[in-house]
């Protein structure tokens, strides 16, 4: 049996290396309840723990290509911006506090970087949401505009035509958001239920979003799944489920892993998949 497991492990690693060579993206997701960071495969949604940040209630996560760091902000009455350092090996996460957003209360939101390095953020929930810009040196938030209607933007990304794309829990759909005035337009409804938390990542002309876990009630739980989607049409496809793996509120932030870290994380994900299957066979 041991030689079979070794052969299976070699097969999985070979397949994952081939995927990495073909440019298959890998994602980083953060779990809202725990602050745990995971590497997530865009092939089958298998995941591997990167590390425990110790920062709970993170409402967003995004990689900043300008400085090579990840950023996210917490929710609640003491919302603050954090910087996260994750090495190319994707085996640890180191948080550092940037500063307070300076807002009265922040609901679960979203974060994206424009081509000029501007950090755009959304604060939604039970109030009218506001489009914000964030100062990466101090954490201070500046309101661009307040939306005319209620939305709950759980994920955000920058589209190539200069529009922001939002994952809206209230409309259960994908929106375009004008970065100049927060004007919105519906791209399309989506099939899975988002729930109270979620996340989005855009890479070129391909997008990914995660829906909330079993405790992400809004008023119903999210479907606890990973999808790919077309940011122009909203057409979306199921990649995989986190059932029996994510048991709380779910992933509240999602980001694409920049190259060359993709290869390393695929190897880690393959090893994690092998370990899970080996344990299952032993019971």
Protein backbone atom coordinates (compact mmCIF):
# COMPACT_ATOMS: atom_id res chain seq x y z
CA UNK A 1 0.00 0.00 0.00
CA UNK A 2 2.88 2.40 0.77
CA UNK A 3 4.31 2.15 -2.75
CA UNK A 4 0.83 2.86 -4.16
CA UNK A 5 0.59 6.02 -2.08
CA UNK A 6 4.04 7.14 -3.23
CA UNK A 7 3.08 6.50 -6.84
CA UNK A 8 -0.18 8.43 -6.36
CA UNK A 9 1.72 11.33 -4.76
CA UNK A 10 4.13 11.43 -7.69
CA UNK A 11 1.20 11.44 -10.13
CA UNK A 12 -0.54 14.32 -8.33
CA UNK A 13 2.64 16.38 -8.18
CA UNK A 14 3.35 15.73 -11.86
CA UNK A 15 -0.16 16.86 -12.78
CA UNK A 16 0.07 19.98 -10.64
CA UNK A 17 3.49 20.93 -11.99
CA UNK A 18 2.06 20.56 -15.48
CA UNK A 19 -0.81 22.87 -14.51
CA UNK A 20 1.63 25.43 -13.12
CA UNK A 21 3.67 25.32 -16.29
CA UNK A 22 0.49 25.98 -18.24
CA UNK A 23 -0.12 29.09 -16.17
CA UNK A 24 -2.97 27.87 -13.96
CA UNK A 25 -3.57 30.60 -11.36
CA UNK A 26 -3.52 29.91 -7.64
CA UNK A 27 -5.46 31.95 -5.11
CA UNK A 28 -4.93 33.07 -1.54
CA UNK A 29 -8.03 33.13 0.63
CA UNK A 30 -8.51 34.28 4.21
CA UNK A 31 -11.09 32.76 6.53
CA UNK A 32 -13.11 35.44 8.31
CA UNK A 33 -13.62 33.70 11.66
CA UNK A 34 -10.02 32.63 12.23
CA UNK A 35 -7.74 34.81 10.09
CA UNK A 36 -6.22 31.63 8.63
CA UNK A 37 -4.71 32.02 5.15
CA UNK A 38 -5.01 29.24 2.56
CA UNK A 39 -3.62 28.59 -0.90
CA UNK A 40 -6.48 27.50 -3.16
CA UNK A 41 -6.21 25.68 -6.48
CA UNK A 42 -8.24 27.10 -9.37
CA UNK A 43 -8.36 23.61 -10.88
CA UNK A 44 -10.39 21.83 -8.20
CA UNK A 45 -10.61 24.15 -5.13
CA UNK A 46 -8.23 21.94 -3.11
CA UNK A 47 -6.44 24.02 -0.51
CA UNK A 48 -3.40 24.09 1.74
CA UNK A 49 -2.91 26.13 4.91
CA UNK A 50 -0.39 28.96 4.44
CA UNK A 51 -0.44 30.19 8.02
CA UNK A 52 -2.45 31.68 10.86
CA UNK A 53 -2.38 35.47 10.91
CA UNK A 54 -4.23 35.82 14.20
CA UNK A 55 -6.25 38.70 12.67
CA UNK A 56 -9.93 37.85 12.90
CA UNK A 57 -12.83 39.49 11.03
CA UNK A 58 -10.84 40.43 7.95
CA UNK A 59 -13.35 41.66 5.38
CA UNK A 60 -11.12 41.79 2.30
CA UNK A 61 -7.79 40.73 0.84
CA UNK A 62 -5.83 41.85 -2.22
CA UNK A 63 -2.26 41.62 -3.55
CA UNK A 64 -0.59 44.95 -4.33
CA UNK A 65 1.82 44.56 -7.28
CA UNK A 66 3.41 47.92 -6.46
CA UNK A 67 5.08 46.66 -3.27
CA UNK A 68 4.60 42.87 -3.37
CA UNK A 69 2.47 42.78 -0.21
CA UNK A 70 -1.10 41.68 0.49
CA UNK A 71 -3.53 44.08 2.15
CA UNK A 72 -6.78 43.57 4.01
CA UNK A 73 -8.94 45.43 6.49
CA UNK A 74 -10.94 44.30 9.48
CA UNK A 75 -14.59 45.04 10.08
CA UNK A 76 -16.51 46.44 13.03
CA UNK A 77 -16.19 49.59 15.13
CA UNK A 78 -12.37 49.52 15.20
CA UNK A 79 -11.73 48.72 11.53
CA UNK A 80 -8.08 48.87 10.52
CA UNK A 81 -5.89 48.23 7.49
CA UNK A 82 -3.25 45.48 7.69
CA UNK A 83 -0.31 44.55 5.48
CA UNK A 84 0.53 40.86 5.08
CA UNK A 85 3.87 39.45 3.92
CA UNK A 86 3.64 36.01 2.32
CA UNK A 87 6.82 34.45 0.87
CA UNK A 88 6.95 32.82 -2.56
CA UNK A 89 6.99 29.44 -0.80
CA UNK A 90 3.54 30.27 0.60
CA UNK A 91 4.24 28.62 3.93
CA UNK A 92 3.81 31.55 6.34
CA UNK A 93 2.00 34.86 6.75
CA UNK A 94 3.25 37.86 8.73
CA UNK A 95 0.76 40.66 9.50
CA UNK A 96 1.56 44.26 10.38
CA UNK A 97 -0.89 47.00 11.35
CA UNK A 98 -1.00 49.99 8.99
CA UNK A 99 -3.62 52.05 10.80
CA UNK A 100 -7.28 52.77 11.46
CA UNK A 101 -9.69 53.39 8.58
CA UNK A 102 -11.21 56.21 10.62
CA UNK A 103 -14.81 55.15 9.92
CA UNK A 104 -17.58 54.73 12.46
CA UNK A 105 -18.37 51.13 11.55
CA UNK A 106 -17.24 48.87 8.72
CA UNK A 107 -19.20 45.91 7.41
CA UNK A 108 -17.68 43.02 5.47
CA UNK A 109 -16.37 44.60 2.28
CA UNK A 110 -13.89 44.37 -0.56
CA UNK A 111 -10.56 45.72 -1.83
CA UNK A 112 -8.93 46.18 -5.26
CA UNK A 113 -5.98 48.08 -6.72
CA UNK A 114 -6.22 50.23 -9.82
CA UNK A 115 -3.42 50.33 -12.42
CA UNK A 116 -2.13 53.57 -10.88
CA UNK A 117 -1.82 51.89 -7.47
CA UNK A 118 -4.97 53.43 -5.95
CA UNK A 119 -6.51 51.18 -3.31
CA UNK A 120 -10.29 51.07 -3.74
CA UNK A 121 -12.48 49.58 -1.03
CA UNK A 122 -16.16 48.98 -0.37
CA UNK A 123 -18.03 49.20 2.91
CA UNK A 124 -21.58 47.84 2.71
CA UNK A 125 -23.97 45.70 4.70
CA UNK A 126 -27.16 47.00 6.29
CA UNK A 127 -26.37 50.60 5.30
CA UNK A 128 -25.92 52.27 1.92
CA UNK A 129 -22.42 51.24 0.85
CA UNK A 130 -19.64 53.71 0.19
CA UNK A 131 -16.83 53.46 -2.32
CA UNK A 132 -13.58 54.36 -0.58
CA UNK A 133 -9.94 54.92 -1.31
CA UNK A 134 -7.39 53.85 1.29
CA UNK A 135 -4.08 55.45 2.23
CA UNK A 136 -1.59 52.57 2.34
CA UNK A 137 0.72 54.55 4.60
CA UNK A 138 -1.80 55.43 7.31
CA UNK A 139 -4.86 53.25 6.68
CA UNK A 140 -7.11 56.30 6.49
CA UNK A 141 -10.21 55.87 4.31
CA UNK A 142 -11.59 58.62 2.06
CA UNK A 143 -15.16 58.42 0.75
CA UNK A 144 -15.41 58.68 -3.04
CA UNK A 145 -19.21 58.49 -3.06
CA UNK A 146 -22.12 56.74 -1.38
CA UNK A 147 -24.21 54.44 -3.57
CA UNK A 148 -27.81 55.38 -4.24
CA UNK A 149 -29.21 51.96 -3.27
CA UNK A 150 -28.37 49.25 -0.83
CA UNK A 151 -25.71 46.78 -1.89
CA UNK A 152 -23.38 44.48 0.04
CA UNK A 153 -20.14 44.21 -1.93
CA UNK A 154 -18.28 41.13 -0.75
CA UNK A 155 -15.61 41.11 -3.46
CA UNK A 156 -14.00 43.64 -5.78
CA UNK A 157 -11.72 43.57 -8.82
CA UNK A 158 -10.37 45.90 -11.50
CA UNK A 159 -11.54 45.13 -15.06
CA UNK A 160 -9.39 45.94 -18.08
CA UNK A 161 -11.85 48.59 -19.34
CA UNK A 162 -11.37 50.69 -16.20
CA UNK A 163 -14.46 49.56 -14.31
CA UNK A 164 -14.53 47.92 -10.91
CA UNK A 165 -16.42 44.63 -10.70
CA UNK A 166 -18.27 43.86 -7.47
CA UNK A 167 -19.74 40.69 -5.99
CA UNK A 168 -23.03 41.87 -4.49
CA UNK A 169 -24.61 39.77 -1.74
CA UNK A 170 -27.79 41.87 -1.74
CA UNK A 171 -28.53 41.49 -5.46
CA UNK A 172 -26.82 38.07 -5.56
CA UNK A 173 -25.08 39.14 -8.71
CA UNK A 174 -22.08 40.79 -10.33
CA UNK A 175 -21.99 44.57 -10.81
CA UNK A 176 -19.81 47.13 -12.52
CA UNK A 177 -18.86 50.04 -10.27
CA UNK A 178 -17.65 53.36 -11.64
CA UNK A 179 -14.45 54.21 -9.70
CA UNK A 180 -15.12 57.95 -10.13
CA UNK A 181 -18.63 58.16 -8.63
CA UNK A 182 -19.67 54.64 -7.43
CA UNK A 183 -22.39 54.36 -10.08
CA UNK A 184 -23.43 50.73 -10.61
CA UNK A 185 -24.87 48.53 -13.34
CA UNK A 186 -25.79 44.86 -13.18
CA UNK A 187 -23.61 42.50 -15.21
CA UNK A 188 -25.68 39.43 -14.41
CA UNK A 189 -27.30 37.46 -11.61
CA UNK A 190 -25.37 34.45 -10.34
CA UNK A 191 -26.72 31.01 -9.49
CA UNK A 192 -25.07 30.18 -6.13
CA UNK A 193 -26.15 31.98 -2.98
CA UNK A 194 -23.36 34.31 -1.87
CA UNK A 195 -24.22 34.64 1.82
CA UNK A 196 -22.97 37.34 4.17
CA UNK A 197 -19.29 37.08 3.21
CA UNK A 198 -17.35 36.32 0.06
CA UNK A 199 -14.36 37.32 -2.00
CA UNK A 200 -13.23 38.00 -5.55
CA UNK A 201 -10.04 38.03 -7.58
CA UNK A 202 -9.54 39.17 -11.18
CA UNK A 203 -6.62 38.16 -13.39
CA UNK A 204 -6.65 39.55 -16.92
CA UNK A 205 -10.00 38.47 -18.40
CA UNK A 206 -10.75 35.71 -15.89
CA UNK A 207 -12.35 36.20 -12.50
CA UNK A 208 -12.81 34.01 -9.44
CA UNK A 209 -15.21 34.35 -6.54
CA UNK A 210 -15.94 32.45 -3.34
CA UNK A 211 -19.31 32.28 -1.64
CA UNK A 212 -19.88 32.28 2.12
CA UNK A 213 -19.74 29.27 4.38
CA UNK A 214 -22.52 27.61 6.42
CA UNK A 215 -22.47 30.36 9.08
CA UNK A 216 -22.47 33.26 6.59
CA UNK A 217 -26.19 33.96 7.00
CA UNK A 218 -27.67 36.79 4.95
CA UNK A 219 -30.32 35.56 5.78
CA UNK A 220 -29.33 32.19 4.35
CA UNK A 221 -25.86 30.61 4.33
CA UNK A 222 -23.63 30.87 1.30
CA UNK A 223 -23.06 27.88 -0.95
CA UNK A 224 -19.42 27.54 0.28
CA UNK A 225 -17.93 27.16 -3.21
CA UNK A 226 -15.31 28.51 -5.61
CA UNK A 227 -16.30 29.72 -9.09
CA UNK A 228 -14.58 31.13 -12.14
CA UNK A 229 -16.41 33.79 -14.13
CA UNK A 230 -16.28 36.06 -17.15
CA UNK A 231 -16.09 39.65 -15.85
CA UNK A 232 -17.71 41.01 -19.02
CA UNK A 233 -20.75 38.72 -19.16
CA UNK A 234 -21.02 37.27 -15.66
CA UNK A 235 -21.05 33.70 -16.99
CA UNK A 236 -19.73 31.52 -14.17
CA UNK A 237 -18.59 27.95 -13.65
CA UNK A 238 -18.25 25.86 -10.50
CA UNK A 239 -14.67 24.84 -9.69
CA UNK A 240 -15.22 23.07 -6.40
CA UNK A 241 -16.81 23.01 -2.96
CA UNK A 242 -15.34 23.63 0.51
CA UNK A 243 -17.96 21.42 2.17
CA UNK A 244 -16.59 19.66 5.29
CA UNK A 245 -13.43 21.79 5.05
CA UNK A 246 -14.70 25.30 5.81
CA UNK A 247 -17.29 25.08 8.58
CA UNK A 248 -17.71 28.69 9.72
CA UNK A 249 -18.50 31.94 7.93
CA UNK A 250 -16.14 31.11 5.09
CA UNK A 251 -13.63 33.03 3.01
CA UNK A 252 -14.05 36.79 3.27
CA UNK A 253 -11.11 37.76 1.05
CA UNK A 254 -9.56 36.33 -2.10
CA UNK A 255 -6.50 37.28 -4.15
CA UNK A 256 -4.53 35.87 -7.06
CA UNK A 257 -1.04 34.63 -6.20
CA UNK A 258 1.52 36.39 -8.41
CA UNK A 259 4.13 34.39 -10.30
CA UNK A 260 6.53 32.71 -9.56
CA UNK A 261 4.79 31.56 -6.37
CA UNK A 262 2.23 29.53 -8.33
CA UNK A 263 4.51 26.52 -8.76
CA UNK A 264 5.37 26.34 -5.08
CA UNK A 265 1.79 26.49 -3.93
CA UNK A 266 0.65 23.87 -6.40
CA UNK A 267 3.26 21.53 -4.98
CA UNK A 268 2.03 22.29 -1.46
CA UNK A 269 -1.58 21.79 -2.49
CA UNK A 270 -0.69 18.46 -4.06
CA UNK A 271 1.00 17.26 -0.89
CA UNK A 272 -1.99 18.40 1.17
CA UNK A 273 -4.35 16.54 -1.15
CA UNK A 274 -2.25 13.39 -0.87
CA UNK A 275 -2.21 13.64 2.93
CA UNK A 276 -6.00 14.07 3.11
CA UNK A 277 -6.63 11.08 0.88
CA UNK A 278 -4.08 8.94 2.73
CA UNK A 279 -5.77 9.75 6.06
CA UNK A 280 -9.17 8.91 4.60
CA UNK A 281 -7.94 5.50 3.44
CA UNK A 282 -6.46 4.72 6.85
CA UNK A 283 -9.84 5.07 8.66
